[in-house]
């Protein structure tokens, strides 16, 4: 037991170095597997251009994923709609570096005399596939950053909002299970014992309808969900009947 604790303490103290070592081994192994399995250029004279695409495309996709997972990226972009100068300078620099890495020039006319149509089609299709992957990764990063720029809240408040929404959803499901179990037990017990049921407090129809409405965040009032707003402001009192709409607001994705 002491030996296990010693080993665990060793790994915890050196988790950063071990993590980098594992990443290096995975990178080396993936490059080796890639060179043996995936890297098969159908045209020998196009190895340089073919290799550039297959070398820089995965690196660029990993770079985009790194921006996605880096909190500093979203701290920079969240709520910066008015800071257009910073956004413009960043994307000009990013676009310039992306253009250098993605520049692949292949002349079809110069190679038609040397290669068959099948080999050229295979070459360009594989290069085009990587270019599509890179373009989709860059497009995802751009759209996510633009959505963060239009956010009405700061990055930390947006993180708190996401955590609150997840916790509220979890506890809402648990509360549904609890009250549904109590209600079913009461009904079955009263049915078999042939007696009148006790009054069980449940939300009114109007409360269910109000809680199912879509919610948009307002900077004037810090309400993080429809239920939060109903609890703070109170439920609406409507005398006339209205048609019930079935919208599930708490399943809505946060921008």
C-alpha atoms as a PDB file:
ATOM      1  CA  UNK A   1       0.000   0.000   0.000  1.00  0.00           C
ATOM      2  CA  UNK A   2       2.848   2.386   0.832  1.00  0.00           C
ATOM      3  CA  UNK A   3       4.539   1.554  -2.449  1.00  0.00           C
ATOM      4  CA  UNK A   4       1.363   2.376  -4.346  1.00  0.00           C
ATOM      5  CA  UNK A   5       1.085   5.730  -2.555  1.00  0.00           C
ATOM      6  CA  UNK A   6       4.729   6.478  -3.358  1.00  0.00           C
ATOM      7  CA  UNK A   7       4.183   5.730  -7.043  1.00  0.00           C
ATOM      8  CA  UNK A   8       0.983   7.784  -7.080  1.00  0.00           C
ATOM      9  CA  UNK A   9       2.739  10.713  -5.385  1.00  0.00           C
ATOM     10  CA  UNK A  10       5.578  10.473  -7.911  1.00  0.00           C
ATOM     11  CA  UNK A  11       3.153  10.670 -10.834  1.00  0.00           C
ATOM     12  CA  UNK A  12       1.216  13.546  -9.258  1.00  0.00           C
ATOM     13  CA  UNK A  13       4.356  15.595  -8.638  1.00  0.00           C
ATOM     14  CA  UNK A  14       5.621  15.053 -12.171  1.00  0.00           C
ATOM     15  CA  UNK A  15       2.336  14.961 -14.034  1.00  0.00           C
ATOM     16  CA  UNK A  16       3.355  17.848 -16.321  1.00  0.00           C
ATOM     17  CA  UNK A  17       6.562  16.174 -17.472  1.00  0.00           C
ATOM     18  CA  UNK A  18       4.810  12.829 -17.833  1.00  0.00           C
ATOM     19  CA  UNK A  19       2.034  14.454 -19.848  1.00  0.00           C
ATOM     20  CA  UNK A  20       4.514  16.035 -22.235  1.00  0.00           C
ATOM     21  CA  UNK A  21       6.339  12.716 -22.571  1.00  0.00           C
ATOM     22  CA  UNK A  22       3.117  10.895 -23.403  1.00  0.00           C
ATOM     23  CA  UNK A  23       2.219  13.559 -25.961  1.00  0.00           C
ATOM     24  CA  UNK A  24       5.672  13.226 -27.544  1.00  0.00           C
ATOM     25  CA  UNK A  25       5.348   9.448 -27.748  1.00  0.00           C
ATOM     26  CA  UNK A  26       1.865   9.709 -29.236  1.00  0.00           C
ATOM     27  CA  UNK A  27       3.112  12.236 -31.780  1.00  0.00           C
ATOM     28  CA  UNK A  28       6.046  10.025 -32.734  1.00  0.00           C
ATOM     29  CA  UNK A  29       3.844   6.958 -33.002  1.00  0.00           C
ATOM     30  CA  UNK A  30       1.180   8.730 -35.034  1.00  0.00           C
ATOM     31  CA  UNK A  31       3.802  10.139 -37.417  1.00  0.00           C
ATOM     32  CA  UNK A  32       5.286   6.667 -37.869  1.00  0.00           C
ATOM     33  CA  UNK A  33       1.873   5.101 -38.462  1.00  0.00           C
ATOM     34  CA  UNK A  34       0.987   7.938 -40.794  1.00  0.00           C
ATOM     35  CA  UNK A  35       4.137   7.466 -42.868  1.00  0.00           C
ATOM     36  CA  UNK A  36       3.584   3.706 -43.129  1.00  0.00           C
ATOM     37  CA  UNK A  37      -0.160   3.619 -43.743  1.00  0.00           C
ATOM     38  CA  UNK A  38      -1.591   6.944 -44.898  1.00  0.00           C
ATOM     39  CA  UNK A  39       1.283   8.613 -46.749  1.00  0.00           C
ATOM     40  CA  UNK A  40       1.165   7.004 -50.167  1.00  0.00           C
ATOM     41  CA  UNK A  41       1.632   9.596 -52.876  1.00  0.00           C
ATOM     42  CA  UNK A  42       0.506   8.158 -56.237  1.00  0.00           C
ATOM     43  CA  UNK A  43       2.919  10.435 -58.128  1.00  0.00           C
ATOM     44  CA  UNK A  44       6.579  10.219 -57.173  1.00  0.00           C
ATOM     45  CA  UNK A  45       7.513  13.645 -58.555  1.00  0.00           C
ATOM     46  CA  UNK A  46       4.793  15.268 -56.448  1.00  0.00           C
ATOM     47  CA  UNK A  47       6.131  13.973 -53.129  1.00  0.00           C
ATOM     48  CA  UNK A  48       7.227  17.444 -52.000  1.00  0.00           C
ATOM     49  CA  UNK A  49       3.864  19.128 -52.586  1.00  0.00           C
ATOM     50  CA  UNK A  50       1.969  16.102 -51.366  1.00  0.00           C
ATOM     51  CA  UNK A  51       4.094  15.993 -48.224  1.00  0.00           C
ATOM     52  CA  UNK A  52       3.596  19.696 -47.492  1.00  0.00           C
ATOM     53  CA  UNK A  53      -0.169  19.279 -47.409  1.00  0.00           C
ATOM     54  CA  UNK A  54      -0.030  16.147 -45.263  1.00  0.00           C
ATOM     55  CA  UNK A  55       2.517  17.747 -42.933  1.00  0.00           C
ATOM     56  CA  UNK A  56       0.914  21.134 -42.333  1.00  0.00           C
ATOM     57  CA  UNK A  57      -2.776  20.178 -42.461  1.00  0.00           C
ATOM     58  CA  UNK A  58      -2.826  18.014 -39.284  1.00  0.00           C
ATOM     59  CA  UNK A  59      -0.627  20.584 -37.538  1.00  0.00           C
ATOM     60  CA  UNK A  60      -3.013  23.367 -38.480  1.00  0.00           C
ATOM     61  CA  UNK A  61      -6.045  21.372 -37.304  1.00  0.00           C
ATOM     62  CA  UNK A  62      -4.302  20.727 -33.973  1.00  0.00           C
ATOM     63  CA  UNK A  63      -3.522  24.443 -33.759  1.00  0.00           C
ATOM     64  CA  UNK A  64      -7.215  25.254 -34.180  1.00  0.00           C
ATOM     65  CA  UNK A  65      -8.138  22.706 -31.501  1.00  0.00           C
ATOM     66  CA  UNK A  66      -5.551  24.328 -29.257  1.00  0.00           C
ATOM     67  CA  UNK A  67      -7.267  27.687 -29.684  1.00  0.00           C
ATOM     68  CA  UNK A  68     -10.590  26.031 -28.833  1.00  0.00           C
ATOM     69  CA  UNK A  69      -9.244  24.527 -25.610  1.00  0.00           C
ATOM     70  CA  UNK A  70      -7.305  27.600 -24.492  1.00  0.00           C
ATOM     71  CA  UNK A  71      -9.209  29.788 -22.032  1.00  0.00           C
ATOM     72  CA  UNK A  72      -7.103  32.811 -22.958  1.00  0.00           C
ATOM     73  CA  UNK A  73      -8.601  32.716 -26.462  1.00  0.00           C
ATOM     74  CA  UNK A  74     -12.135  33.116 -25.148  1.00  0.00           C
ATOM     75  CA  UNK A  75     -11.072  35.705 -22.574  1.00  0.00           C
ATOM     76  CA  UNK A  76      -9.726  37.709 -25.505  1.00  0.00           C
ATOM     77  CA  UNK A  77     -12.774  37.371 -27.747  1.00  0.00           C
ATOM     78  CA  UNK A  78     -15.748  37.174 -25.367  1.00  0.00           C
ATOM     79  CA  UNK A  79     -17.695  40.439 -25.358  1.00  0.00           C
ATOM     80  CA  UNK A  80     -15.227  42.306 -27.588  1.00  0.00           C
ATOM     81  CA  UNK A  81     -17.710  43.439 -30.223  1.00  0.00           C
ATOM     82  CA  UNK A  82     -16.561  47.047 -29.901  1.00  0.00           C
ATOM     83  CA  UNK A  83     -12.858  46.183 -29.910  1.00  0.00           C
ATOM     84  CA  UNK A  84     -12.689  45.838 -33.664  1.00  0.00           C
ATOM     85  CA  UNK A  85      -9.084  46.962 -33.952  1.00  0.00           C
ATOM     86  CA  UNK A  86      -7.807  44.100 -31.805  1.00  0.00           C
ATOM     87  CA  UNK A  87      -9.966  41.616 -33.671  1.00  0.00           C
ATOM     88  CA  UNK A  88      -8.811  42.938 -37.050  1.00  0.00           C
ATOM     89  CA  UNK A  89      -5.116  42.782 -36.157  1.00  0.00           C
ATOM     90  CA  UNK A  90      -5.442  39.263 -34.769  1.00  0.00           C
ATOM     91  CA  UNK A  91      -7.244  37.848 -37.783  1.00  0.00           C
ATOM     92  CA  UNK A  92      -4.935  39.612 -40.257  1.00  0.00           C
ATOM     93  CA  UNK A  93      -1.982  37.942 -38.584  1.00  0.00           C
ATOM     94  CA  UNK A  94      -3.812  34.609 -38.393  1.00  0.00           C
ATOM     95  CA  UNK A  95      -4.881  34.783 -42.039  1.00  0.00           C
ATOM     96  CA  UNK A  96      -1.329  35.611 -43.159  1.00  0.00           C
ATOM     97  CA  UNK A  97       0.174  32.661 -41.287  1.00  0.00           C
ATOM     98  CA  UNK A  98      -2.619  30.338 -42.462  1.00  0.00           C
ATOM     99  CA  UNK A  99      -2.047  31.353 -46.080  1.00  0.00           C
ATOM    100  CA  UNK A 100       1.666  30.513 -45.813  1.00  0.00           C
ATOM    101  CA  UNK A 101       0.961  27.084 -44.373  1.00  0.00           C
ATOM    102  CA  UNK A 102      -1.870  26.159 -46.732  1.00  0.00           C
ATOM    103  CA  UNK A 103      -0.317  27.352 -50.014  1.00  0.00           C
ATOM    104  CA  UNK A 104      -0.150  24.350 -52.344  1.00  0.00           C
ATOM    105  CA  UNK A 105       0.456  24.958 -56.032  1.00  0.00           C
ATOM    106  CA  UNK A 106       0.056  22.035 -58.386  1.00  0.00           C
ATOM    107  CA  UNK A 107       0.192  22.559 -62.129  1.00  0.00           C
ATOM    108  CA  UNK A 108      -1.998  20.087 -63.941  1.00  0.00           C
ATOM    109  CA  UNK A 109      -0.800  21.100 -67.369  1.00  0.00           C
ATOM    110  CA  UNK A 110       2.872  20.360 -66.591  1.00  0.00           C
ATOM    111  CA  UNK A 111       2.119  16.875 -65.250  1.00  0.00           C
ATOM    112  CA  UNK A 112      -0.415  15.611 -67.795  1.00  0.00           C
ATOM    113  CA  UNK A 113       2.349  14.228 -69.988  1.00  0.00           C
ATOM    114  CA  UNK A 114       3.892  12.161 -67.193  1.00  0.00           C
ATOM    115  CA  UNK A 115       1.062  10.834 -65.059  1.00  0.00           C
ATOM    116  CA  UNK A 116      -2.152   9.031 -65.748  1.00  0.00           C
ATOM    117  CA  UNK A 117      -5.492  10.607 -65.029  1.00  0.00           C
ATOM    118  CA  UNK A 118      -6.177   8.108 -62.278  1.00  0.00           C
ATOM    119  CA  UNK A 119      -3.007   8.967 -60.369  1.00  0.00           C
ATOM    120  CA  UNK A 120      -3.609  12.700 -60.668  1.00  0.00           C
ATOM    121  CA  UNK A 121      -7.212  12.328 -59.553  1.00  0.00           C
ATOM    122  CA  UNK A 122      -6.109  10.324 -56.518  1.00  0.00           C
ATOM    123  CA  UNK A 123      -3.467  12.920 -55.688  1.00  0.00           C
ATOM    124  CA  UNK A 124      -5.782  15.916 -55.909  1.00  0.00           C
ATOM    125  CA  UNK A 125      -8.637  14.178 -54.118  1.00  0.00           C
ATOM    126  CA  UNK A 126      -6.452  13.461 -51.094  1.00  0.00           C
ATOM    127  CA  UNK A 127      -5.055  16.996 -51.062  1.00  0.00           C
ATOM    128  CA  UNK A 128      -8.565  18.413 -51.425  1.00  0.00           C
ATOM    129  CA  UNK A 129      -9.765  16.263 -48.527  1.00  0.00           C
ATOM    130  CA  UNK A 130      -7.145  17.720 -46.204  1.00  0.00           C
ATOM    131  CA  UNK A 131      -7.916  21.226 -47.426  1.00  0.00           C
ATOM    132  CA  UNK A 132     -11.602  20.677 -46.630  1.00  0.00           C
ATOM    133  CA  UNK A 133     -10.708  19.479 -43.113  1.00  0.00           C
ATOM    134  CA  UNK A 134      -8.526  22.541 -42.559  1.00  0.00           C
ATOM    135  CA  UNK A 135     -11.223  24.865 -43.919  1.00  0.00           C
ATOM    136  CA  UNK A 136     -13.899  23.319 -41.676  1.00  0.00           C
ATOM    137  CA  UNK A 137     -11.670  23.617 -38.603  1.00  0.00           C
ATOM    138  CA  UNK A 138     -10.904  27.254 -39.403  1.00  0.00           C
ATOM    139  CA  UNK A 139     -14.588  27.978 -40.076  1.00  0.00           C
ATOM    140  CA  UNK A 140     -15.591  26.432 -36.736  1.00  0.00           C
ATOM    141  CA  UNK A 141     -13.032  28.561 -34.922  1.00  0.00           C
ATOM    142  CA  UNK A 142     -14.190  31.717 -36.723  1.00  0.00           C
ATOM    143  CA  UNK A 143     -17.888  31.138 -36.017  1.00  0.00           C
ATOM    144  CA  UNK A 144     -17.250  30.324 -32.355  1.00  0.00           C
ATOM    145  CA  UNK A 145     -15.092  33.421 -31.929  1.00  0.00           C
ATOM    146  CA  UNK A 146     -17.708  35.608 -33.643  1.00  0.00           C
ATOM    147  CA  UNK A 147     -20.401  34.221 -31.341  1.00  0.00           C
ATOM    148  CA  UNK A 148     -18.216  34.992 -28.325  1.00  0.00           C
ATOM    149  CA  UNK A 149     -17.608  38.519 -29.611  1.00  0.00           C
ATOM    150  CA  UNK A 150     -21.367  39.114 -29.727  1.00  0.00           C
ATOM    151  CA  UNK A 151     -21.828  37.841 -26.161  1.00  0.00           C
ATOM    152  CA  UNK A 152     -23.446  40.253 -23.716  1.00  0.00           C
ATOM    153  CA  UNK A 153     -21.553  38.841 -20.740  1.00  0.00           C
ATOM    154  CA  UNK A 154     -17.898  38.410 -19.852  1.00  0.00           C
ATOM    155  CA  UNK A 155     -15.991  35.155 -20.192  1.00  0.00           C
ATOM    156  CA  UNK A 156     -16.089  34.316 -16.476  1.00  0.00           C
ATOM    157  CA  UNK A 157     -19.807  35.069 -16.209  1.00  0.00           C
ATOM    158  CA  UNK A 158     -20.444  32.938 -19.289  1.00  0.00           C
ATOM    159  CA  UNK A 159     -18.558  30.057 -17.663  1.00  0.00           C
ATOM    160  CA  UNK A 160     -20.656  30.502 -14.504  1.00  0.00           C
ATOM    161  CA  UNK A 161     -23.831  30.546 -16.622  1.00  0.00           C
ATOM    162  CA  UNK A 162     -22.866  27.256 -18.302  1.00  0.00           C
ATOM    163  CA  UNK A 163     -22.100  25.595 -14.966  1.00  0.00           C
ATOM    164  CA  UNK A 164     -25.382  26.867 -13.511  1.00  0.00           C
ATOM    165  CA  UNK A 165     -27.360  25.576 -16.501  1.00  0.00           C
ATOM    166  CA  UNK A 166     -25.772  22.127 -16.202  1.00  0.00           C
ATOM    167  CA  UNK A 167     -26.388  21.925 -12.451  1.00  0.00           C
ATOM    168  CA  UNK A 168     -29.963  23.147 -12.792  1.00  0.00           C
ATOM    169  CA  UNK A 169     -30.639  20.561 -15.486  1.00  0.00           C
ATOM    170  CA  UNK A 170     -29.208  17.761 -13.339  1.00  0.00           C
ATOM    171  CA  UNK A 171     -31.165  18.798 -10.247  1.00  0.00           C
ATOM    172  CA  UNK A 172     -34.306  19.347 -12.322  1.00  0.00           C
ATOM    173  CA  UNK A 173     -34.174  15.750 -13.544  1.00  0.00           C
ATOM    174  CA  UNK A 174     -33.598  14.522  -9.994  1.00  0.00           C
ATOM    175  CA  UNK A 175     -36.531  16.611  -8.751  1.00  0.00           C
ATOM    176  CA  UNK A 176     -38.734  15.211 -11.521  1.00  0.00           C
ATOM    177  CA  UNK A 177     -37.817  11.691 -10.426  1.00  0.00           C
ATOM    178  CA  UNK A 178     -38.490  12.508  -6.762  1.00  0.00           C
ATOM    179  CA  UNK A 179     -41.892  14.145  -7.231  1.00  0.00           C
ATOM    180  CA  UNK A 180     -43.003  11.645  -9.865  1.00  0.00           C
ATOM    181  CA  UNK A 181     -42.146   8.815  -7.471  1.00  0.00           C
ATOM    182  CA  UNK A 182     -44.029  10.477  -4.600  1.00  0.00           C
ATOM    183  CA  UNK A 183     -47.074  11.142  -6.783  1.00  0.00           C
ATOM    184  CA  UNK A 184     -47.181   7.610  -8.182  1.00  0.00           C
ATOM    185  CA  UNK A 185     -46.769   6.096  -4.695  1.00  0.00           C
ATOM    186  CA  UNK A 186     -49.585   8.273  -3.347  1.00  0.00           C
ATOM    187  CA  UNK A 187     -51.947   7.392  -6.205  1.00  0.00           C
ATOM    188  CA  UNK A 188     -51.271   3.660  -6.051  1.00  0.00           C
ATOM    189  CA  UNK A 189     -51.600   3.609  -2.284  1.00  0.00           C
ATOM    190  CA  UNK A 190     -54.905   5.477  -2.367  1.00  0.00           C
ATOM    191  CA  UNK A 191     -56.169   3.246  -5.171  1.00  0.00           C
ATOM    192  CA  UNK A 192     -55.497  -0.007  -3.362  1.00  0.00           C
ATOM    193  CA  UNK A 193     -56.597   1.313   0.036  1.00  0.00           C
ATOM    194  CA  UNK A 194     -59.721   2.903  -1.460  1.00  0.00           C
ATOM    195  CA  UNK A 195     -59.342   6.282   0.237  1.00  0.00           C
ATOM    196  CA  UNK A 196     -59.099   9.923  -0.750  1.00  0.00           C
ATOM    197  CA  UNK A 197     -55.638  11.220  -1.618  1.00  0.00           C
ATOM    198  CA  UNK A 198     -53.829  13.859   0.339  1.00  0.00           C
ATOM    199  CA  UNK A 199     -53.170  17.191  -1.328  1.00  0.00           C
ATOM    200  CA  UNK A 200     -49.756  17.225  -2.988  1.00  0.00           C
ATOM    201  CA  UNK A 201     -48.357  20.642  -3.970  1.00  0.00           C
ATOM    202  CA  UNK A 202     -47.449  20.833  -7.645  1.00  0.00           C
ATOM    203  CA  UNK A 203     -46.910  23.781 -10.003  1.00  0.00           C
ATOM    204  CA  UNK A 204     -49.993  25.155 -11.729  1.00  0.00           C
ATOM    205  CA  UNK A 205     -50.542  24.794 -15.474  1.00  0.00           C
ATOM    206  CA  UNK A 206     -49.561  28.423 -16.006  1.00  0.00           C
ATOM    207  CA  UNK A 207     -46.338  27.881 -14.053  1.00  0.00           C
ATOM    208  CA  UNK A 208     -45.436  24.886 -16.243  1.00  0.00           C
ATOM    209  CA  UNK A 209     -46.124  26.962 -19.337  1.00  0.00           C
ATOM    210  CA  UNK A 210     -44.066  29.923 -18.124  1.00  0.00           C
ATOM    211  CA  UNK A 211     -41.166  27.665 -17.141  1.00  0.00           C
ATOM    212  CA  UNK A 212     -41.160  26.110 -20.628  1.00  0.00           C
ATOM    213  CA  UNK A 213     -40.648  29.395 -22.456  1.00  0.00           C
ATOM    214  CA  UNK A 214     -37.411  30.333 -24.162  1.00  0.00           C
ATOM    215  CA  UNK A 215     -35.109  32.531 -22.127  1.00  0.00           C
ATOM    216  CA  UNK A 216     -32.760  35.263 -23.335  1.00  0.00           C
ATOM    217  CA  UNK A 217     -30.182  36.716 -20.974  1.00  0.00           C
ATOM    218  CA  UNK A 218     -30.752  40.321 -19.920  1.00  0.00           C
ATOM    219  CA  UNK A 219     -27.860  42.458 -18.703  1.00  0.00           C
ATOM    220  CA  UNK A 220     -30.186  44.470 -16.456  1.00  0.00           C
ATOM    221  CA  UNK A 221     -31.221  41.445 -14.366  1.00  0.00           C
ATOM    222  CA  UNK A 222     -28.941  38.529 -13.592  1.00  0.00           C
ATOM    223  CA  UNK A 223     -31.309  35.655 -14.262  1.00  0.00           C
ATOM    224  CA  UNK A 224     -29.595  32.572 -15.654  1.00  0.00           C
ATOM    225  CA  UNK A 225     -32.663  30.550 -16.644  1.00  0.00           C
ATOM    226  CA  UNK A 226     -36.415  30.785 -16.995  1.00  0.00           C
ATOM    227  CA  UNK A 227     -36.954  29.089 -13.632  1.00  0.00           C
ATOM    228  CA  UNK A 228     -34.516  31.529 -12.027  1.00  0.00           C
ATOM    229  CA  UNK A 229     -36.498  34.442 -13.457  1.00  0.00           C
ATOM    230  CA  UNK A 230     -39.831  32.975 -12.305  1.00  0.00           C
ATOM    231  CA  UNK A 231     -38.510  32.444  -8.779  1.00  0.00           C
ATOM    232  CA  UNK A 232     -37.109  35.975  -8.544  1.00  0.00           C
ATOM    233  CA  UNK A 233     -39.982  37.843 -10.211  1.00  0.00           C
ATOM    234  CA  UNK A 234     -42.851  35.556  -9.285  1.00  0.00           C
ATOM    235  CA  UNK A 235     -45.237  33.679 -11.524  1.00  0.00           C
ATOM    236  CA  UNK A 236     -47.618  35.446 -13.857  1.00  0.00           C
ATOM    237  CA  UNK A 237     -51.307  35.516 -13.030  1.00  0.00           C
ATOM    238  CA  UNK A 238     -53.419  35.105 -16.152  1.00  0.00           C
ATOM    239  CA  UNK A 239     -57.187  34.816 -15.924  1.00  0.00           C
ATOM    240  CA  UNK A 240     -57.954  33.744 -19.473  1.00  0.00           C
ATOM    241  CA  UNK A 241     -56.913  30.370 -20.793  1.00  0.00           C
ATOM    242  CA  UNK A 242     -54.177  30.197 -23.341  1.00  0.00           C
ATOM    243  CA  UNK A 243     -53.030  27.418 -25.627  1.00  0.00           C
ATOM    244  CA  UNK A 244     -50.113  25.554 -24.104  1.00  0.00           C
ATOM    245  CA  UNK A 245     -46.926  25.429 -26.137  1.00  0.00           C
ATOM    246  CA  UNK A 246     -44.335  22.743 -25.604  1.00  0.00           C
ATOM    247  CA  UNK A 247     -40.889  24.320 -25.762  1.00  0.00           C
ATOM    248  CA  UNK A 248     -38.065  23.026 -23.630  1.00  0.00           C
ATOM    249  CA  UNK A 249     -35.947  26.037 -22.808  1.00  0.00           C
ATOM    250  CA  UNK A 250     -33.440  24.363 -20.528  1.00  0.00           C
ATOM    251  CA  UNK A 251     -32.155  22.202 -23.378  1.00  0.00           C
ATOM    252  CA  UNK A 252     -31.134  25.296 -25.327  1.00  0.00           C
ATOM    253  CA  UNK A 253     -27.401  25.585 -26.172  1.00  0.00           C
ATOM    254  CA  UNK A 254     -25.533  28.604 -24.712  1.00  0.00           C
ATOM    255  CA  UNK A 255     -23.819  30.754 -27.373  1.00  0.00           C
END
